[in-house]
Amino acid sequence: MSQQSEHQDRRDAYWNANKKIMFGCLIVWFVVSFGFGIILVEPLNNIPLFGYELGFWFAQQGAIYTFLILIFFYAWRMNKLDREHDVHEE
């Protein structure tokens, strides 16, 4: 196997791992924002959370908090992935 094809294989493995992380984060964000905030809002509104209906809370606050958590998770996981594939910054 040539050095160029080994390099391409490493790049492909890195990109595939990156896509899995990215798609996982997008799925979580979609479920929380669209699923809990729009589709399941009526059943969730039967559950109180600090004096608010849970569906309303997800639509107004939960999706934003989830997005912020996903940003930090993605940064942490990508730093770990960069170290695993030896493409991290020194």
PDB file of N, CA and C in Angstrom:
ATOM      1  N   MET A   1       0.846  -1.171   0.000  1.00  0.00           N
ATOM      2  CA  MET A   1       0.000   0.000   0.000  1.00  0.00           C
ATOM      3  C   MET A   1       0.896   1.240   0.000  1.00  0.00           C
ATOM      4  N   SER A   2       0.568   2.197  -0.844  1.00  0.00           N
ATOM      5  CA  SER A   2       1.410   3.387  -0.941  1.00  0.00           C
ATOM      6  C   SER A   2       1.137   4.339   0.219  1.00  0.00           C
ATOM      7  N   GLN A   3       2.071   5.232   0.415  1.00  0.00           N
ATOM      8  CA  GLN A   3       1.958   6.201   1.503  1.00  0.00           C
ATOM      9  C   GLN A   3       0.760   7.127   1.270  1.00  0.00           C
ATOM     10  N   GLN A   4       0.505   7.452   0.015  1.00  0.00           N
ATOM     11  CA  GLN A   4      -0.615   8.339  -0.292  1.00  0.00           C
ATOM     12  C   GLN A   4      -1.954   7.669   0.028  1.00  0.00           C
ATOM     13  N   SER A   5      -2.090   6.390  -0.266  1.00  0.00           N
ATOM     14  CA  SER A   5      -3.361   5.716   0.024  1.00  0.00           C
ATOM     15  C   SER A   5      -3.537   5.512   1.537  1.00  0.00           C
ATOM     16  N   GLU A   6      -2.440   5.304   2.274  1.00  0.00           N
ATOM     17  CA  GLU A   6      -2.535   5.221   3.736  1.00  0.00           C
ATOM     18  C   GLU A   6      -3.001   6.554   4.309  1.00  0.00           C
ATOM     19  N   HIS A   7      -2.457   7.636   3.762  1.00  0.00           N
ATOM     20  CA  HIS A   7      -2.851   8.973   4.207  1.00  0.00           C
ATOM     21  C   HIS A   7      -4.336   9.207   3.908  1.00  0.00           C
ATOM     22  N   GLN A   8      -4.781   8.791   2.730  1.00  0.00           N
ATOM     23  CA  GLN A   8      -6.186   8.940   2.356  1.00  0.00           C
ATOM     24  C   GLN A   8      -7.083   8.099   3.262  1.00  0.00           C
ATOM     25  N   ASP A   9      -6.646   6.892   3.619  1.00  0.00           N
ATOM     26  CA  ASP A   9      -7.421   6.038   4.526  1.00  0.00           C
ATOM     27  C   ASP A   9      -7.567   6.676   5.902  1.00  0.00           C
ATOM     28  N   ARG A  10      -6.490   7.280   6.393  1.00  0.00           N
ATOM     29  CA  ARG A  10      -6.554   7.974   7.691  1.00  0.00           C
ATOM     30  C   ARG A  10      -7.489   9.170   7.625  1.00  0.00           C
ATOM     31  N   ARG A  11      -7.418   9.927   6.533  1.00  0.00           N
ATOM     32  CA  ARG A  11      -8.316  11.074   6.354  1.00  0.00           C
ATOM     33  C   ARG A  11      -9.771  10.614   6.290  1.00  0.00           C
ATOM     34  N   ASP A  12     -10.020   9.535   5.580  1.00  0.00           N
ATOM     35  CA  ASP A  12     -11.389   9.017   5.479  1.00  0.00           C
ATOM     36  C   ASP A  12     -11.904   8.540   6.832  1.00  0.00           C
ATOM     37  N   ALA A  13     -11.059   7.868   7.603  1.00  0.00           N
ATOM     38  CA  ALA A  13     -11.467   7.404   8.933  1.00  0.00           C
ATOM     39  C   ALA A  13     -11.775   8.585   9.842  1.00  0.00           C
ATOM     40  N   TYR A  14     -10.946   9.622   9.778  1.00  0.00           N
ATOM     41  CA  TYR A  14     -11.166  10.824  10.586  1.00  0.00           C
ATOM     42  C   TYR A  14     -12.479  11.495  10.188  1.00  0.00           C
ATOM     43  N   TRP A  15     -12.698  11.650   8.895  1.00  0.00           N
ATOM     44  CA  TRP A  15     -13.910  12.319   8.419  1.00  0.00           C
ATOM     45  C   TRP A  15     -15.155  11.500   8.762  1.00  0.00           C
ATOM     46  N   ASN A  16     -15.085  10.184   8.636  1.00  0.00           N
ATOM     47  CA  ASN A  16     -16.230   9.339   8.983  1.00  0.00           C
ATOM     48  C   ASN A  16     -16.568   9.441  10.469  1.00  0.00           C
ATOM     49  N   ALA A  17     -15.550   9.469  11.311  1.00  0.00           N
ATOM     50  CA  ALA A  17     -15.785   9.627  12.749  1.00  0.00           C
ATOM     51  C   ALA A  17     -16.378  11.007  13.038  1.00  0.00           C
ATOM     52  N   ASN A  18     -15.897  12.028  12.353  1.00  0.00           N
ATOM     53  CA  ASN A  18     -16.423  13.380  12.504  1.00  0.00           C
ATOM     54  C   ASN A  18     -17.895  13.422  12.095  1.00  0.00           C
ATOM     55  N   LYS A  19     -18.238  12.783  10.991  1.00  0.00           N
ATOM     56  CA  LYS A  19     -19.636  12.768  10.529  1.00  0.00           C
ATOM     57  C   LYS A  19     -20.541  12.073  11.528  1.00  0.00           C
ATOM     58  N   LYS A  20     -20.078  10.988  12.135  1.00  0.00           N
ATOM     59  CA  LYS A  20     -20.900  10.284  13.136  1.00  0.00           C
ATOM     60  C   LYS A  20     -21.201  11.190  14.326  1.00  0.00           C
ATOM     61  N   ILE A  21     -20.195  11.905  14.795  1.00  0.00           N
ATOM     62  CA  ILE A  21     -20.390  12.824  15.920  1.00  0.00           C
ATOM     63  C   ILE A  21     -21.355  13.936  15.520  1.00  0.00           C
ATOM     64  N   MET A  22     -21.140  14.509  14.342  1.00  0.00           N
ATOM     65  CA  MET A  22     -21.967  15.603  13.866  1.00  0.00           C
ATOM     66  C   MET A  22     -23.426  15.172  13.692  1.00  0.00           C
ATOM     67  N   PHE A  23     -23.647  14.038  13.060  1.00  0.00           N
ATOM     68  CA  PHE A  23     -25.016  13.561  12.850  1.00  0.00           C
ATOM     69  C   PHE A  23     -25.684  13.201  14.172  1.00  0.00           C
ATOM     70  N   GLY A  24     -24.928  12.641  15.099  1.00  0.00           N
ATOM     71  CA  GLY A  24     -25.484  12.349  16.418  1.00  0.00           C
ATOM     72  C   GLY A  24     -25.950  13.610  17.125  1.00  0.00           C
ATOM     73  N   CYS A  25     -25.127  14.660  17.060  1.00  0.00           N
ATOM     74  CA  CYS A  25     -25.509  15.934  17.670  1.00  0.00           C
ATOM     75  C   CYS A  25     -26.732  16.533  16.985  1.00  0.00           C
ATOM     76  N   LEU A  26     -26.788  16.450  15.669  1.00  0.00           N
ATOM     77  CA  LEU A  26     -27.935  16.983  14.943  1.00  0.00           C
ATOM     78  C   LEU A  26     -29.213  16.228  15.274  1.00  0.00           C
ATOM     79  N   ILE A  27     -29.121  14.927  15.445  1.00  0.00           N
ATOM     80  CA  ILE A  27     -30.293  14.133  15.807  1.00  0.00           C
ATOM     81  C   ILE A  27     -30.802  14.528  17.188  1.00  0.00           C
ATOM     82  N   VAL A  28     -29.899  14.668  18.145  1.00  0.00           N
ATOM     83  CA  VAL A  28     -30.304  15.090  19.491  1.00  0.00           C
ATOM     84  C   VAL A  28     -30.962  16.460  19.436  1.00  0.00           C
ATOM     85  N   TRP A  29     -30.352  17.386  18.707  1.00  0.00           N
ATOM     86  CA  TRP A  29     -30.899  18.738  18.606  1.00  0.00           C
ATOM     87  C   TRP A  29     -32.276  18.719  17.953  1.00  0.00           C
ATOM     88  N   PHE A  30     -32.449  17.923  16.890  1.00  0.00           N
ATOM     89  CA  PHE A  30     -33.734  17.820  16.205  1.00  0.00           C
ATOM     90  C   PHE A  30     -34.797  17.248  17.126  1.00  0.00           C
ATOM     91  N   VAL A  31     -34.464  16.175  17.845  1.00  0.00           N
ATOM     92  CA  VAL A  31     -35.444  15.552  18.744  1.00  0.00           C
ATOM     93  C   VAL A  31     -35.876  16.538  19.826  1.00  0.00           C
ATOM     94  N   VAL A  32     -34.934  17.257  20.394  1.00  0.00           N
ATOM     95  CA  VAL A  32     -35.272  18.188  21.473  1.00  0.00           C
ATOM     96  C   VAL A  32     -36.042  19.390  20.934  1.00  0.00           C
ATOM     97  N   SER A  33     -35.554  20.014  19.869  1.00  0.00           N
ATOM     98  CA  SER A  33     -36.197  21.239  19.400  1.00  0.00           C
ATOM     99  C   SER A  33     -37.490  20.971  18.648  1.00  0.00           C
ATOM    100  N   PHE A  34     -37.484  20.073  17.687  1.00  0.00           N
ATOM    101  CA  PHE A  34     -38.673  19.807  16.886  1.00  0.00           C
ATOM    102  C   PHE A  34     -39.588  18.798  17.565  1.00  0.00           C
ATOM    103  N   GLY A  35     -38.999  17.719  18.066  1.00  0.00           N
ATOM    104  CA  GLY A  35     -39.808  16.672  18.699  1.00  0.00           C
ATOM    105  C   GLY A  35     -40.461  17.122  19.989  1.00  0.00           C
ATOM    106  N   PHE A  36     -39.649  17.571  20.946  1.00  0.00           N
ATOM    107  CA  PHE A  36     -40.194  17.967  22.249  1.00  0.00           C
ATOM    108  C   PHE A  36     -40.853  19.340  22.198  1.00  0.00           C
ATOM    109  N   GLY A  37     -40.331  20.249  21.390  1.00  0.00           N
ATOM    110  CA  GLY A  37     -40.849  21.613  21.362  1.00  0.00           C
ATOM    111  C   GLY A  37     -42.049  21.814  20.459  1.00  0.00           C
ATOM    112  N   ILE A  38     -42.287  20.904  19.499  1.00  0.00           N
ATOM    113  CA  ILE A  38     -43.402  21.086  18.565  1.00  0.00           C
ATOM    114  C   ILE A  38     -44.318  19.860  18.538  1.00  0.00           C
ATOM    115  N   ILE A  39     -43.770  18.707  18.193  1.00  0.00           N
ATOM    116  CA  ILE A  39     -44.609  17.521  17.994  1.00  0.00           C
ATOM    117  C   ILE A  39     -45.186  17.000  19.304  1.00  0.00           C
ATOM    118  N   LEU A  40     -44.368  16.877  20.328  1.00  0.00           N
ATOM    119  CA  LEU A  40     -44.811  16.309  21.604  1.00  0.00           C
ATOM    120  C   LEU A  40     -45.161  17.363  22.645  1.00  0.00           C
ATOM    121  N   VAL A  41     -45.424  18.584  22.195  1.00  0.00           N
ATOM    122  CA  VAL A  41     -45.660  19.663  23.149  1.00  0.00           C
ATOM    123  C   VAL A  41     -46.920  19.422  23.982  1.00  0.00           C
ATOM    124  N   GLU A  42     -47.972  18.899  23.388  1.00  0.00           N
ATOM    125  CA  GLU A  42     -49.225  18.692  24.136  1.00  0.00           C
ATOM    126  C   GLU A  42     -49.062  17.670  25.264  1.00  0.00           C
ATOM    127  N   PRO A  43     -48.526  16.466  24.986  1.00  0.00           N
ATOM    128  CA  PRO A  43     -48.351  15.527  26.103  1.00  0.00           C
ATOM    129  C   PRO A  43     -47.367  16.036  27.159  1.00  0.00           C
ATOM    130  N   LEU A  44     -46.325  16.727  26.717  1.00  0.00           N
ATOM    131  CA  LEU A  44     -45.334  17.242  27.675  1.00  0.00           C
ATOM    132  C   LEU A  44     -45.885  18.382  28.516  1.00  0.00           C
ATOM    133  N   ASN A  45     -46.873  19.080  28.010  1.00  0.00           N
ATOM    134  CA  ASN A  45     -47.456  20.183  28.775  1.00  0.00           C
ATOM    135  C   ASN A  45     -48.211  19.698  30.005  1.00  0.00           C
ATOM    136  N   ASN A  46     -48.487  18.411  30.097  1.00  0.00           N
ATOM    137  CA  ASN A  46     -49.136  17.853  31.287  1.00  0.00           C
ATOM    138  C   ASN A  46     -48.162  17.669  32.438  1.00  0.00           C
ATOM    139  N   ILE A  47     -46.884  17.869  32.177  1.00  0.00           N
ATOM    140  CA  ILE A  47     -45.845  17.701  33.203  1.00  0.00           C
ATOM    141  C   ILE A  47     -45.344  19.079  33.621  1.00  0.00           C
ATOM    142  N   PRO A  48     -45.505  19.448  34.887  1.00  0.00           N
ATOM    143  CA  PRO A  48     -45.017  20.763  35.320  1.00  0.00           C
ATOM    144  C   PRO A  48     -43.511  20.744  35.591  1.00  0.00           C
ATOM    145  N   LEU A  49     -42.872  21.869  35.299  1.00  0.00           N
ATOM    146  CA  LEU A  49     -41.442  22.038  35.569  1.00  0.00           C
ATOM    147  C   LEU A  49     -41.233  23.453  36.086  1.00  0.00           C
ATOM    148  N   PHE A  50     -41.000  23.591  37.380  1.00  0.00           N
ATOM    149  CA  PHE A  50     -40.787  24.891  38.014  1.00  0.00           C
ATOM    150  C   PHE A  50     -41.916  25.876  37.708  1.00  0.00           C
ATOM    151  N   GLY A  51     -43.141  25.373  37.695  1.00  0.00           N
ATOM    152  CA  GLY A  51     -44.298  26.229  37.462  1.00  0.00           C
ATOM    153  C   GLY A  51     -44.647  26.432  36.004  1.00  0.00           C
ATOM    154  N   TYR A  52     -43.896  25.842  35.098  1.00  0.00           N
ATOM    155  CA  TYR A  52     -44.172  25.955  33.665  1.00  0.00           C
ATOM    156  C   TYR A  52     -44.529  24.586  33.116  1.00  0.00           C
ATOM    157  N   GLU A  53     -45.208  24.587  31.987  1.00  0.00           N
ATOM    158  CA  GLU A  53     -45.479  23.322  31.308  1.00  0.00           C
ATOM    159  C   GLU A  53     -44.195  22.866  30.614  1.00  0.00           C
ATOM    160  N   LEU A  54     -43.920  21.569  30.688  1.00  0.00           N
ATOM    161  CA  LEU A  54     -42.655  21.048  30.158  1.00  0.00           C
ATOM    162  C   LEU A  54     -42.521  21.269  28.658  1.00  0.00           C
ATOM    163  N   GLY A  55     -43.598  21.099  27.895  1.00  0.00           N
ATOM    164  CA  GLY A  55     -43.537  21.339  26.452  1.00  0.00           C
ATOM    165  C   GLY A  55     -43.189  22.778  26.136  1.00  0.00           C
ATOM    166  N   PHE A  56     -43.800  23.711  26.861  1.00  0.00           N
ATOM    167  CA  PHE A  56     -43.490  25.130  26.694  1.00  0.00           C
ATOM    168  C   PHE A  56     -42.028  25.387  27.048  1.00  0.00           C
ATOM    169  N   TRP A  57     -41.569  24.786  28.136  1.00  0.00           N
ATOM    170  CA  TRP A  57     -40.179  24.984  28.555  1.00  0.00           C
ATOM    171  C   TRP A  57     -39.213  24.511  27.477  1.00  0.00           C
ATOM    172  N   PHE A  58     -39.468  23.312  26.896  1.00  0.00           N
ATOM    173  CA  PHE A  58     -38.591  22.810  25.834  1.00  0.00           C
ATOM    174  C   PHE A  58     -38.605  23.746  24.631  1.00  0.00           C
ATOM    175  N   ALA A  59     -39.774  24.263  24.271  1.00  0.00           N
ATOM    176  CA  ALA A  59     -39.859  25.151  23.110  1.00  0.00           C
ATOM    177  C   ALA A  59     -39.128  26.460  23.364  1.00  0.00           C
ATOM    178  N   GLN A  60     -39.178  26.960  24.591  1.00  0.00           N
ATOM    179  CA  GLN A  60     -38.602  28.269  24.884  1.00  0.00           C
ATOM    180  C   GLN A  60     -37.166  28.205  25.414  1.00  0.00           C
ATOM    181  N   GLN A  61     -36.859  27.243  26.250  1.00  0.00           N
ATOM    182  CA  GLN A  61     -35.556  27.197  26.913  1.00  0.00           C
ATOM    183  C   GLN A  61     -34.773  25.916  26.631  1.00  0.00           C
ATOM    184  N   GLY A  62     -35.459  24.801  26.654  1.00  0.00           N
ATOM    185  CA  GLY A  62     -34.783  23.505  26.563  1.00  0.00           C
ATOM    186  C   GLY A  62     -33.964  23.326  25.304  1.00  0.00           C
ATOM    187  N   ALA A  63     -34.513  23.772  24.162  1.00  0.00           N
ATOM    188  CA  ALA A  63     -33.780  23.632  22.904  1.00  0.00           C
ATOM    189  C   ALA A  63     -32.506  24.477  22.920  1.00  0.00           C
ATOM    190  N   ILE A  64     -32.580  25.650  23.523  1.00  0.00           N
ATOM    191  CA  ILE A  64     -31.404  26.527  23.593  1.00  0.00           C
ATOM    192  C   ILE A  64     -30.343  25.913  24.499  1.00  0.00           C
ATOM    193  N   TYR A  65     -30.763  25.432  25.682  1.00  0.00           N
ATOM    194  CA  TYR A  65     -29.801  24.804  26.597  1.00  0.00           C
ATOM    195  C   TYR A  65     -29.185  23.557  25.962  1.00  0.00           C
ATOM    196  N   THR A  66     -30.006  22.781  25.291  1.00  0.00           N
ATOM    197  CA  THR A  66     -29.488  21.583  24.627  1.00  0.00           C
ATOM    198  C   THR A  66     -28.471  21.961  23.560  1.00  0.00           C
ATOM    199  N   PHE A  67     -28.756  23.007  22.795  1.00  0.00           N
ATOM    200  CA  PHE A  67     -27.831  23.458  21.768  1.00  0.00           C
ATOM    201  C   PHE A  67     -26.498  23.885  22.374  1.00  0.00           C
ATOM    202  N   LEU A  68     -26.540  24.616  23.466  1.00  0.00           N
ATOM    203  CA  LEU A  68     -25.296  25.036  24.128  1.00  0.00           C
ATOM    204  C   LEU A  68     -24.503  23.837  24.647  1.00  0.00           C
ATOM    205  N   ILE A  69     -25.201  22.879  25.232  1.00  0.00           N
ATOM    206  CA  ILE A  69     -24.530  21.666  25.715  1.00  0.00           C
ATOM    207  C   ILE A  69     -23.909  20.916  24.543  1.00  0.00           C
ATOM    208  N   LEU A  70     -24.623  20.842  23.421  1.00  0.00           N
ATOM    209  CA  LEU A  70     -24.089  20.153  22.246  1.00  0.00           C
ATOM    210  C   LEU A  70     -22.855  20.850  21.691  1.00  0.00           C
ATOM    211  N   ILE A  71     -22.789  22.162  21.767  1.00  0.00           N
ATOM    212  CA  ILE A  71     -21.594  22.885  21.308  1.00  0.00           C
ATOM    213  C   ILE A  71     -20.379  22.461  22.128  1.00  0.00           C
ATOM    214  N   PHE A  72     -20.533  22.442  23.452  1.00  0.00           N
ATOM    215  CA  PHE A  72     -19.414  22.051  24.304  1.00  0.00           C
ATOM    216  C   PHE A  72     -19.068  20.575  24.135  1.00  0.00           C
ATOM    217  N   PHE A  73     -20.090  19.723  23.989  1.00  0.00           N
ATOM    218  CA  PHE A  73     -19.839  18.302  23.761  1.00  0.00           C
ATOM    219  C   PHE A  73     -19.076  18.103  22.457  1.00  0.00           C
ATOM    220  N   TYR A  74     -19.503  18.783  21.388  1.00  0.00           N
ATOM    221  CA  TYR A  74     -18.850  18.632  20.091  1.00  0.00           C
ATOM    222  C   TYR A  74     -17.391  19.082  20.158  1.00  0.00           C
ATOM    223  N   ALA A  75     -17.149  20.202  20.801  1.00  0.00           N
ATOM    224  CA  ALA A  75     -15.766  20.686  20.927  1.00  0.00           C
ATOM    225  C   ALA A  75     -14.916  19.699  21.712  1.00  0.00           C
ATOM    226  N   TRP A  76     -15.443  19.185  22.822  1.00  0.00           N
ATOM    227  CA  TRP A  76     -14.705  18.206  23.630  1.00  0.00           C
ATOM    228  C   TRP A  76     -14.438  16.936  22.832  1.00  0.00           C
ATOM    229  N   ARG A  77     -15.472  16.426  22.144  1.00  0.00           N
ATOM    230  CA  ARG A  77     -15.326  15.167  21.414  1.00  0.00           C
ATOM    231  C   ARG A  77     -14.393  15.324  20.216  1.00  0.00           C
ATOM    232  N   MET A  78     -14.441  16.487  19.543  1.00  0.00           N
ATOM    233  CA  MET A  78     -13.552  16.700  18.403  1.00  0.00           C
ATOM    234  C   MET A  78     -12.102  16.840  18.851  1.00  0.00           C
ATOM    235  N   ASN A  79     -11.869  17.456  20.005  1.00  0.00           N
ATOM    236  CA  ASN A  79     -10.505  17.505  20.531  1.00  0.00           C
ATOM    237  C   ASN A  79      -9.983  16.106  20.801  1.00  0.00           C
ATOM    238  N   LYS A  80     -10.836  15.258  21.355  1.00  0.00           N
ATOM    239  CA  LYS A  80     -10.447  13.874  21.607  1.00  0.00           C
ATOM    240  C   LYS A  80     -10.185  13.139  20.295  1.00  0.00           C
ATOM    241  N   LEU A  81     -11.051  13.340  19.310  1.00  0.00           N
ATOM    242  CA  LEU A  81     -10.875  12.703  18.004  1.00  0.00           C
ATOM    243  C   LEU A  81      -9.608  13.193  17.317  1.00  0.00           C
ATOM    244  N   ASP A  82      -9.321  14.479  17.427  1.00  0.00           N
ATOM    245  CA  ASP A  82      -8.085  15.019  16.849  1.00  0.00           C
ATOM    246  C   ASP A  82      -6.852  14.350  17.444  1.00  0.00           C
ATOM    247  N   ARG A  83      -6.874  14.127  18.762  1.00  0.00           N
ATOM    248  CA  ARG A  83      -5.735  13.458  19.399  1.00  0.00           C
ATOM    249  C   ARG A  83      -5.648  12.001  18.951  1.00  0.00           C
ATOM    250  N   GLU A  84      -6.792  11.337  18.812  1.00  0.00           N
ATOM    251  CA  GLU A  84      -6.791   9.943  18.377  1.00  0.00           C
ATOM    252  C   GLU A  84      -6.203   9.789  16.972  1.00  0.00           C
ATOM    253  N   HIS A  85      -6.455  10.773  16.113  1.00  0.00           N
ATOM    254  CA  HIS A  85      -5.981  10.700  14.710  1.00  0.00           C
ATOM    255  C   HIS A  85      -4.733  11.538  14.495  1.00  0.00           C
ATOM    256  N   ASP A  86      -4.153  12.028  15.579  1.00  0.00           N
ATOM    257  CA  ASP A  86      -2.905  12.782  15.551  1.00  0.00           C
ATOM    258  C   ASP A  86      -2.977  13.998  14.607  1.00  0.00           C
ATOM    259  N   VAL A  87      -4.072  14.735  14.706  1.00  0.00           N
ATOM    260  CA  VAL A  87      -4.200  15.965  13.936  1.00  0.00           C
ATOM    261  C   VAL A  87      -4.479  17.142  14.874  1.00  0.00           C
ATOM    262  N   HIS A  88      -4.176  16.960  16.151  1.00  0.00           N
ATOM    263  CA  HIS A  88      -4.440  17.988  17.145  1.00  0.00           C
ATOM    264  C   HIS A  88      -3.425  19.119  17.058  1.00  0.00           C
ATOM    265  N   GLU A  89      -3.830  20.260  17.618  1.00  0.00           N
ATOM    266  CA  GLU A  89      -2.933  21.404  17.667  1.00  0.00           C
ATOM    267  C   GLU A  89      -2.018  21.287  18.875  1.00  0.00           C
ATOM    268  N   GLU A  90      -0.835  21.725  18.706  1.00  0.00           N
ATOM    269  CA  GLU A  90       0.147  21.661  19.804  1.00  0.00           C
ATOM    270  C   GLU A  90      -0.006  22.854  20.704  1.00  0.00           C
TER     271      GLU A  90
END
